[in-house]
Amino acid sequence: MIFNELLNNSFTHAFKESKNPNIEIHFSKNVSLYKLTVKDNGTGMTIPTSWNNSNTIGFTLIHILSRQIHANFEIFNDRGLVAVLEF
């Protein structure tokens, strides 16, 4: 469900102004830590300072689901939006 929300966000919001849309997906395991990274080359977004005050329903849902599985979730801008989930 988290992965679906990340992809849906990119397809819905990231590529409105992009002529060459691109999504990179990386999944890795290091000992007992799994890491999922989804990066797009879209417009990026204003990163909320608190998920309690966020206007982004999708990322709020991802944050809630991440907490339920005891995962670390972060997003940042780097020539588009990067979302990282570690669990």
PDB file of N, CA and C in Angstrom:
ATOM      1  N   MET A   1       0.812  -1.191   0.000  1.00  0.00           N
ATOM      2  CA  MET A   1       0.000   0.000   0.000  1.00  0.00           C
ATOM      3  C   MET A   1       0.865   1.269   0.000  1.00  0.00           C
ATOM      4  N   ILE A   2       1.962   1.242   0.752  1.00  0.00           N
ATOM      5  CA  ILE A   2       2.873   2.387   0.784  1.00  0.00           C
ATOM      6  C   ILE A   2       3.492   2.603  -0.588  1.00  0.00           C
ATOM      7  N   PHE A   3       3.968   1.532  -1.197  1.00  0.00           N
ATOM      8  CA  PHE A   3       4.585   1.624  -2.520  1.00  0.00           C
ATOM      9  C   PHE A   3       3.588   2.195  -3.530  1.00  0.00           C
ATOM     10  N   ASN A   4       2.349   1.729  -3.490  1.00  0.00           N
ATOM     11  CA  ASN A   4       1.310   2.218  -4.391  1.00  0.00           C
ATOM     12  C   ASN A   4       1.077   3.718  -4.198  1.00  0.00           C
ATOM     13  N   GLU A   5       1.043   4.176  -2.965  1.00  0.00           N
ATOM     14  CA  GLU A   5       0.841   5.604  -2.692  1.00  0.00           C
ATOM     15  C   GLU A   5       2.002   6.441  -3.228  1.00  0.00           C
ATOM     16  N   LEU A   6       3.229   5.925  -3.087  1.00  0.00           N
ATOM     17  CA  LEU A   6       4.389   6.659  -3.598  1.00  0.00           C
ATOM     18  C   LEU A   6       4.329   6.796  -5.116  1.00  0.00           C
ATOM     19  N   LEU A   7       4.010   5.707  -5.803  1.00  0.00           N
ATOM     20  CA  LEU A   7       3.901   5.769  -7.263  1.00  0.00           C
ATOM     21  C   LEU A   7       2.731   6.652  -7.690  1.00  0.00           C
ATOM     22  N   ASN A   8       1.611   6.507  -7.025  1.00  0.00           N
ATOM     23  CA  ASN A   8       0.442   7.319  -7.350  1.00  0.00           C
ATOM     24  C   ASN A   8       0.754   8.809  -7.204  1.00  0.00           C
ATOM     25  N   ASN A   9       1.500   9.169  -6.169  1.00  0.00           N
ATOM     26  CA  ASN A   9       1.886  10.559  -5.976  1.00  0.00           C
ATOM     27  C   ASN A   9       2.706  11.073  -7.154  1.00  0.00           C
ATOM     28  N   SER A  10       3.670  10.282  -7.604  1.00  0.00           N
ATOM     29  CA  SER A  10       4.492  10.705  -8.737  1.00  0.00           C
ATOM     30  C   SER A  10       3.655  10.875  -9.998  1.00  0.00           C
ATOM     31  N   PHE A  11       2.837   9.893 -10.299  1.00  0.00           N
ATOM     32  CA  PHE A  11       2.026   9.967 -11.514  1.00  0.00           C
ATOM     33  C   PHE A  11       1.008  11.106 -11.457  1.00  0.00           C
ATOM     34  N   THR A  12       0.467  11.380 -10.287  1.00  0.00           N
ATOM     35  CA  THR A  12      -0.583  12.390 -10.154  1.00  0.00           C
ATOM     36  C   THR A  12      -0.037  13.812 -10.088  1.00  0.00           C
ATOM     37  N   HIS A  13       1.085  14.009  -9.379  1.00  0.00           N
ATOM     38  CA  HIS A  13       1.536  15.369  -9.096  1.00  0.00           C
ATOM     39  C   HIS A  13       2.861  15.764  -9.736  1.00  0.00           C
ATOM     40  N   ALA A  14       3.755  14.842  -9.934  1.00  0.00           N
ATOM     41  CA  ALA A  14       5.132  15.211 -10.268  1.00  0.00           C
ATOM     42  C   ALA A  14       5.327  15.673 -11.702  1.00  0.00           C
ATOM     43  N   PHE A  15       4.571  15.149 -12.621  1.00  0.00           N
ATOM     44  CA  PHE A  15       4.919  15.317 -14.026  1.00  0.00           C
ATOM     45  C   PHE A  15       4.041  16.284 -14.800  1.00  0.00           C
ATOM     46  N   LYS A  16       3.370  17.177 -14.134  1.00  0.00           N
ATOM     47  CA  LYS A  16       2.504  18.128 -14.831  1.00  0.00           C
ATOM     48  C   LYS A  16       3.288  19.028 -15.777  1.00  0.00           C
ATOM     49  N   GLU A  17       4.531  19.359 -15.438  1.00  0.00           N
ATOM     50  CA  GLU A  17       5.343  20.256 -16.257  1.00  0.00           C
ATOM     51  C   GLU A  17       6.574  19.564 -16.833  1.00  0.00           C
ATOM     52  N   SER A  18       6.737  18.289 -16.616  1.00  0.00           N
ATOM     53  CA  SER A  18       7.932  17.574 -17.065  1.00  0.00           C
ATOM     54  C   SER A  18       7.740  17.015 -18.470  1.00  0.00           C
ATOM     55  N   LYS A  19       8.732  17.252 -19.329  1.00  0.00           N
ATOM     56  CA  LYS A  19       8.676  16.725 -20.693  1.00  0.00           C
ATOM     57  C   LYS A  19       9.262  15.323 -20.780  1.00  0.00           C
ATOM     58  N   ASN A  20      10.112  14.969 -19.846  1.00  0.00           N
ATOM     59  CA  ASN A  20      10.747  13.651 -19.821  1.00  0.00           C
ATOM     60  C   ASN A  20      10.563  13.022 -18.444  1.00  0.00           C
ATOM     61  N   PRO A  21       9.344  12.589 -18.115  1.00  0.00           N
ATOM     62  CA  PRO A  21       9.108  12.037 -16.778  1.00  0.00           C
ATOM     63  C   PRO A  21       9.913  10.767 -16.524  1.00  0.00           C
ATOM     64  N   ASN A  22      10.412  10.664 -15.297  1.00  0.00           N
ATOM     65  CA  ASN A  22      11.219   9.507 -14.924  1.00  0.00           C
ATOM     66  C   ASN A  22      10.973   9.178 -13.451  1.00  0.00           C
ATOM     67  N   ILE A  23      10.832   7.894 -13.159  1.00  0.00           N
ATOM     68  CA  ILE A  23      10.729   7.419 -11.781  1.00  0.00           C
ATOM     69  C   ILE A  23      11.796   6.353 -11.582  1.00  0.00           C
ATOM     70  N   GLU A  24      12.604   6.513 -10.537  1.00  0.00           N
ATOM     71  CA  GLU A  24      13.605   5.512 -10.180  1.00  0.00           C
ATOM     72  C   GLU A  24      13.134   4.806  -8.921  1.00  0.00           C
ATOM     73  N   ILE A  25      13.231   3.481  -8.927  1.00  0.00           N
ATOM     74  CA  ILE A  25      12.822   2.672  -7.784  1.00  0.00           C
ATOM     75  C   ILE A  25      14.004   1.803  -7.381  1.00  0.00           C
ATOM     76  N   HIS A  26      14.393   1.906  -6.124  1.00  0.00           N
ATOM     77  CA  HIS A  26      15.483   1.086  -5.597  1.00  0.00           C
ATOM     78  C   HIS A  26      14.980   0.358  -4.351  1.00  0.00           C
ATOM     79  N   PHE A  27      15.317  -0.913  -4.269  1.00  0.00           N
ATOM     80  CA  PHE A  27      14.972  -1.698  -3.085  1.00  0.00           C
ATOM     81  C   PHE A  27      16.202  -2.494  -2.704  1.00  0.00           C
ATOM     82  N   SER A  28      16.610  -2.401  -1.442  1.00  0.00           N
ATOM     83  CA  SER A  28      17.816  -3.110  -1.009  1.00  0.00           C
ATOM     84  C   SER A  28      17.629  -3.648   0.400  1.00  0.00           C
ATOM     85  N   LYS A  29      18.501  -4.593   0.737  1.00  0.00           N
ATOM     86  CA  LYS A  29      18.524  -5.166   2.081  1.00  0.00           C
ATOM     87  C   LYS A  29      19.960  -5.148   2.569  1.00  0.00           C
ATOM     88  N   ASN A  30      20.152  -4.670   3.797  1.00  0.00           N
ATOM     89  CA  ASN A  30      21.455  -4.665   4.432  1.00  0.00           C
ATOM     90  C   ASN A  30      21.278  -5.310   5.799  1.00  0.00           C
ATOM     91  N   VAL A  31      21.726  -6.544   5.936  1.00  0.00           N
ATOM     92  CA  VAL A  31      21.545  -7.362   7.130  1.00  0.00           C
ATOM     93  C   VAL A  31      20.045  -7.496   7.388  1.00  0.00           C
ATOM     94  N   SER A  32      19.503  -6.803   8.375  1.00  0.00           N
ATOM     95  CA  SER A  32      18.068  -6.925   8.662  1.00  0.00           C
ATOM     96  C   SER A  32      17.301  -5.642   8.337  1.00  0.00           C
ATOM     97  N   LEU A  33      17.930  -4.720   7.609  1.00  0.00           N
ATOM     98  CA  LEU A  33      17.293  -3.455   7.263  1.00  0.00           C
ATOM     99  C   LEU A  33      16.944  -3.427   5.781  1.00  0.00           C
ATOM    100  N   TYR A  34      15.668  -3.210   5.495  1.00  0.00           N
ATOM    101  CA  TYR A  34      15.206  -3.059   4.118  1.00  0.00           C
ATOM    102  C   TYR A  34      15.051  -1.576   3.820  1.00  0.00           C
ATOM    103  N   LYS A  35      15.356  -1.202   2.573  1.00  0.00           N
ATOM    104  CA  LYS A  35      15.261   0.203   2.188  1.00  0.00           C
ATOM    105  C   LYS A  35      14.597   0.312   0.821  1.00  0.00           C
ATOM    106  N   LEU A  36      13.520   1.081   0.761  1.00  0.00           N
ATOM    107  CA  LEU A  36      12.817   1.360  -0.482  1.00  0.00           C
ATOM    108  C   LEU A  36      12.962   2.845  -0.771  1.00  0.00           C
ATOM    109  N   THR A  37      13.466   3.161  -1.965  1.00  0.00           N
ATOM    110  CA  THR A  37      13.605   4.549  -2.387  1.00  0.00           C
ATOM    111  C   THR A  37      12.848   4.739  -3.689  1.00  0.00           C
ATOM    112  N   VAL A  38      12.002   5.747  -3.723  1.00  0.00           N
ATOM    113  CA  VAL A  38      11.278   6.116  -4.939  1.00  0.00           C
ATOM    114  C   VAL A  38      11.617   7.572  -5.222  1.00  0.00           C
ATOM    115  N   LYS A  39      12.182   7.815  -6.414  1.00  0.00           N
ATOM    116  CA  LYS A  39      12.622   9.163  -6.787  1.00  0.00           C
ATOM    117  C   LYS A  39      12.024   9.515  -8.134  1.00  0.00           C
ATOM    118  N   ASP A  40      11.458  10.720  -8.233  1.00  0.00           N
ATOM    119  CA  ASP A  40      10.980  11.183  -9.532  1.00  0.00           C
ATOM    120  C   ASP A  40      11.696  12.480  -9.894  1.00  0.00           C
ATOM    121  N   ASN A  41      11.584  12.866 -11.146  1.00  0.00           N
ATOM    122  CA  ASN A  41      12.229  14.100 -11.601  1.00  0.00           C
ATOM    123  C   ASN A  41      11.188  15.197 -11.831  1.00  0.00           C
ATOM    124  N   GLY A  42      10.147  15.166 -11.028  1.00  0.00           N
ATOM    125  CA  GLY A  42       9.073  16.150 -11.153  1.00  0.00           C
ATOM    126  C   GLY A  42       9.407  17.462 -10.475  1.00  0.00           C
ATOM    127  N   THR A  43       8.371  18.168 -10.089  1.00  0.00           N
ATOM    128  CA  THR A  43       8.513  19.519  -9.558  1.00  0.00           C
ATOM    129  C   THR A  43       8.888  19.568  -8.083  1.00  0.00           C
ATOM    130  N   GLY A  44       8.870  18.444  -7.389  1.00  0.00           N
ATOM    131  CA  GLY A  44       9.145  18.444  -5.953  1.00  0.00           C
ATOM    132  C   GLY A  44       7.946  18.988  -5.198  1.00  0.00           C
ATOM    133  N   MET A  45       8.120  19.242  -3.920  1.00  0.00           N
ATOM    134  CA  MET A  45       7.015  19.754  -3.108  1.00  0.00           C
ATOM    135  C   MET A  45       7.556  20.461  -1.879  1.00  0.00           C
ATOM    136  N   THR A  46       6.700  21.216  -1.240  1.00  0.00           N
ATOM    137  CA  THR A  46       7.038  21.806   0.048  1.00  0.00           C
ATOM    138  C   THR A  46       6.926  20.706   1.091  1.00  0.00           C
ATOM    139  N   ILE A  47       8.013  20.442   1.773  1.00  0.00           N
ATOM    140  CA  ILE A  47       8.052  19.363   2.758  1.00  0.00           C
ATOM    141  C   ILE A  47       7.360  19.843   4.035  1.00  0.00           C
ATOM    142  N   PRO A  48       6.363  19.091   4.521  1.00  0.00           N
ATOM    143  CA  PRO A  48       5.675  19.518   5.748  1.00  0.00           C
ATOM    144  C   PRO A  48       6.603  19.445   6.957  1.00  0.00           C
ATOM    145  N   THR A  49       6.483  20.429   7.840  1.00  0.00           N
ATOM    146  CA  THR A  49       7.295  20.405   9.058  1.00  0.00           C
ATOM    147  C   THR A  49       6.701  19.462  10.087  1.00  0.00           C
ATOM    148  N   SER A  50       5.421  19.152   9.947  1.00  0.00           N
ATOM    149  CA  SER A  50       4.754  18.212  10.843  1.00  0.00           C
ATOM    150  C   SER A  50       3.686  17.465  10.068  1.00  0.00           C
ATOM    151  N   TRP A  51       3.651  16.152  10.222  1.00  0.00           N
ATOM    152  CA  TRP A  51       2.622  15.365   9.538  1.00  0.00           C
ATOM    153  C   TRP A  51       1.249  15.642  10.128  1.00  0.00           C
ATOM    154  N   ASN A  52       1.193  16.156  11.344  1.00  0.00           N
ATOM    155  CA  ASN A  52      -0.096  16.485  11.961  1.00  0.00           C
ATOM    156  C   ASN A  52      -0.766  17.671  11.272  1.00  0.00           C
ATOM    157  N   ASN A  53       0.033  18.534  10.644  1.00  0.00           N
ATOM    158  CA  ASN A  53      -0.505  19.720   9.976  1.00  0.00           C
ATOM    159  C   ASN A  53      -0.382  19.620   8.460  1.00  0.00           C
ATOM    160  N   SER A  54      -0.146  18.461   7.946  1.00  0.00           N
ATOM    161  CA  SER A  54       0.088  18.280   6.521  1.00  0.00           C
ATOM    162  C   SER A  54      -1.216  18.347   5.734  1.00  0.00           C
ATOM    163  N   ASN A  55      -1.136  18.950   4.555  1.00  0.00           N
ATOM    164  CA  ASN A  55      -2.279  19.002   3.644  1.00  0.00           C
ATOM    165  C   ASN A  55      -2.208  17.902   2.595  1.00  0.00           C
ATOM    166  N   THR A  56      -1.240  17.018   2.703  1.00  0.00           N
ATOM    167  CA  THR A  56      -1.060  15.960   1.713  1.00  0.00           C
ATOM    168  C   THR A  56      -1.615  14.659   2.266  1.00  0.00           C
ATOM    169  N   ILE A  57      -2.760  14.264   1.769  1.00  0.00           N
ATOM    170  CA  ILE A  57      -3.427  13.059   2.264  1.00  0.00           C
ATOM    171  C   ILE A  57      -2.584  11.815   2.004  1.00  0.00           C
ATOM    172  N   GLY A  58      -2.010  11.706   0.806  1.00  0.00           N
ATOM    173  CA  GLY A  58      -1.219  10.525   0.466  1.00  0.00           C
ATOM    174  C   GLY A  58      -0.020  10.339   1.379  1.00  0.00           C
ATOM    175  N   PHE A  59       0.748  11.412   1.591  1.00  0.00           N
ATOM    176  CA  PHE A  59       1.930  11.293   2.437  1.00  0.00           C
ATOM    177  C   PHE A  59       1.563  11.138   3.906  1.00  0.00           C
ATOM    178  N   THR A  60       0.447  11.704   4.321  1.00  0.00           N
ATOM    179  CA  THR A  60      -0.024  11.479   5.686  1.00  0.00           C
ATOM    180  C   THR A  60      -0.368  10.006   5.879  1.00  0.00           C
ATOM    181  N   LEU A  61      -1.033   9.409   4.896  1.00  0.00           N
ATOM    182  CA  LEU A  61      -1.346   7.980   4.945  1.00  0.00           C
ATOM    183  C   LEU A  61      -0.067   7.152   5.000  1.00  0.00           C
ATOM    184  N   ILE A  62       0.914   7.487   4.172  1.00  0.00           N
ATOM    185  CA  ILE A  62       2.190   6.765   4.177  1.00  0.00           C
ATOM    186  C   ILE A  62       2.852   6.878   5.547  1.00  0.00           C
ATOM    187  N   HIS A  63       2.830   8.065   6.128  1.00  0.00           N
ATOM    188  CA  HIS A  63       3.433   8.258   7.449  1.00  0.00           C
ATOM    189  C   HIS A  63       2.744   7.377   8.492  1.00  0.00           C
ATOM    190  N   ILE A  64       1.419   7.331   8.470  1.00  0.00           N
ATOM    191  CA  ILE A  64       0.671   6.502   9.425  1.00  0.00           C
ATOM    192  C   ILE A  64       0.992   5.025   9.229  1.00  0.00           C
ATOM    193  N   LEU A  65       0.990   4.564   7.983  1.00  0.00           N
ATOM    194  CA  LEU A  65       1.298   3.156   7.699  1.00  0.00           C
ATOM    195  C   LEU A  65       2.733   2.819   8.085  1.00  0.00           C
ATOM    196  N   SER A  66       3.646   3.752   7.870  1.00  0.00           N
ATOM    197  CA  SER A  66       5.049   3.536   8.241  1.00  0.00           C
ATOM    198  C   SER A  66       5.193   3.345   9.744  1.00  0.00           C
ATOM    199  N   ARG A  67       4.495   4.154  10.506  1.00  0.00           N
ATOM    200  CA  ARG A  67       4.541   4.014  11.965  1.00  0.00           C
ATOM    201  C   ARG A  67       3.993   2.664  12.400  1.00  0.00           C
ATOM    202  N   GLN A  68       2.961   2.176  11.719  1.00  0.00           N
ATOM    203  CA  GLN A  68       2.368   0.888  12.086  1.00  0.00           C
ATOM    204  C   GLN A  68       3.338  -0.269  11.899  1.00  0.00           C
ATOM    205  N   ILE A  69       4.243  -0.157  10.926  1.00  0.00           N
ATOM    206  CA  ILE A  69       5.220  -1.236  10.703  1.00  0.00           C
ATOM    207  C   ILE A  69       6.588  -0.877  11.291  1.00  0.00           C
ATOM    208  N   HIS A  70       6.627   0.175  12.119  1.00  0.00           N
ATOM    209  CA  HIS A  70       7.858   0.619  12.789  1.00  0.00           C
ATOM    210  C   HIS A  70       8.948   0.961  11.779  1.00  0.00           C
ATOM    211  N   ALA A  71       8.571   1.649  10.727  1.00  0.00           N
ATOM    212  CA  ALA A  71       9.514   2.043   9.681  1.00  0.00           C
ATOM    213  C   ALA A  71       9.850   3.524   9.809  1.00  0.00           C
ATOM    214  N   ASN A  72      10.993   3.884   9.266  1.00  0.00           N
ATOM    215  CA  ASN A  72      11.390   5.282   9.173  1.00  0.00           C
ATOM    216  C   ASN A  72      11.031   5.764   7.771  1.00  0.00           C
ATOM    217  N   PHE A  73      10.297   6.866   7.673  1.00  0.00           N
ATOM    218  CA  PHE A  73       9.899   7.415   6.380  1.00  0.00           C
ATOM    219  C   PHE A  73      10.326   8.863   6.301  1.00  0.00           C
ATOM    220  N   GLU A  74      10.989   9.224   5.203  1.00  0.00           N
ATOM    221  CA  GLU A  74      11.363  10.615   5.007  1.00  0.00           C
ATOM    222  C   GLU A  74      11.226  10.978   3.537  1.00  0.00           C
ATOM    223  N   ILE A  75      10.969  12.247   3.291  1.00  0.00           N
ATOM    224  CA  ILE A  75      10.925  12.761   1.930  1.00  0.00           C
ATOM    225  C   ILE A  75      11.777  14.014   1.864  1.00  0.00           C
ATOM    226  N   PHE A  76      12.375  14.244   0.699  1.00  0.00           N
ATOM    227  CA  PHE A  76      13.153  15.454   0.479  1.00  0.00           C
ATOM    228  C   PHE A  76      13.204  15.726  -1.016  1.00  0.00           C
ATOM    229  N   ASN A  77      13.583  16.941  -1.368  1.00  0.00           N
ATOM    230  CA  ASN A  77      13.701  17.345  -2.763  1.00  0.00           C
ATOM    231  C   ASN A  77      15.137  17.196  -3.224  1.00  0.00           C
ATOM    232  N   ASP A  78      15.311  16.606  -4.392  1.00  0.00           N
ATOM    233  CA  ASP A  78      16.618  16.477  -5.029  1.00  0.00           C
ATOM    234  C   ASP A  78      16.373  16.341  -6.529  1.00  0.00           C
ATOM    235  N   ARG A  79      16.207  17.470  -7.211  1.00  0.00           N
ATOM    236  CA  ARG A  79      15.835  17.478  -8.632  1.00  0.00           C
ATOM    237  C   ARG A  79      14.580  16.641  -8.858  1.00  0.00           C
ATOM    238  N   GLY A  80      13.611  16.848  -8.018  1.00  0.00           N
ATOM    239  CA  GLY A  80      12.385  16.069  -7.956  1.00  0.00           C
ATOM    240  C   GLY A  80      12.192  15.633  -6.517  1.00  0.00           C
ATOM    241  N   LEU A  81      11.255  14.762  -6.297  1.00  0.00           N
ATOM    242  CA  LEU A  81      10.970  14.302  -4.940  1.00  0.00           C
ATOM    243  C   LEU A  81      11.580  12.930  -4.704  1.00  0.00           C
ATOM    244  N   VAL A  82      12.175  12.750  -3.536  1.00  0.00           N
ATOM    245  CA  VAL A  82      12.744  11.467  -3.129  1.00  0.00           C
ATOM    246  C   VAL A  82      12.024  11.029  -1.861  1.00  0.00           C
ATOM    247  N   ALA A  83      11.524   9.800  -1.861  1.00  0.00           N
ATOM    248  CA  ALA A  83      10.878   9.219  -0.688  1.00  0.00           C
ATOM    249  C   ALA A  83      11.662   7.979  -0.286  1.00  0.00           C
ATOM    250  N   VAL A  84      12.016   7.888   0.991  1.00  0.00           N
ATOM    251  CA  VAL A  84      12.813   6.770   1.494  1.00  0.00           C
ATOM    252  C   VAL A  84      12.067   6.123   2.658  1.00  0.00           C
ATOM    253  N   LEU A  85      11.906   4.814   2.559  1.00  0.00           N
ATOM    254  CA  LEU A  85      11.268   4.024   3.613  1.00  0.00           C
ATOM    255  C   LEU A  85      12.265   2.969   4.060  1.00  0.00           C
ATOM    256  N   GLU A  86      12.599   2.967   5.352  1.00  0.00           N
ATOM    257  CA  GLU A  86      13.509   1.966   5.916  1.00  0.00           C
ATOM    258  C   GLU A  86      12.770   1.193   6.996  1.00  0.00           C
ATOM    259  N   PHE A  87      12.839  -0.138   6.888  1.00  0.00           N
ATOM    260  CA  PHE A  87      12.151  -0.982   7.871  1.00  0.00           C
ATOM    261  C   PHE A  87      12.904  -2.270   8.084  1.00  0.00           C
TER     262      PHE A  87
END
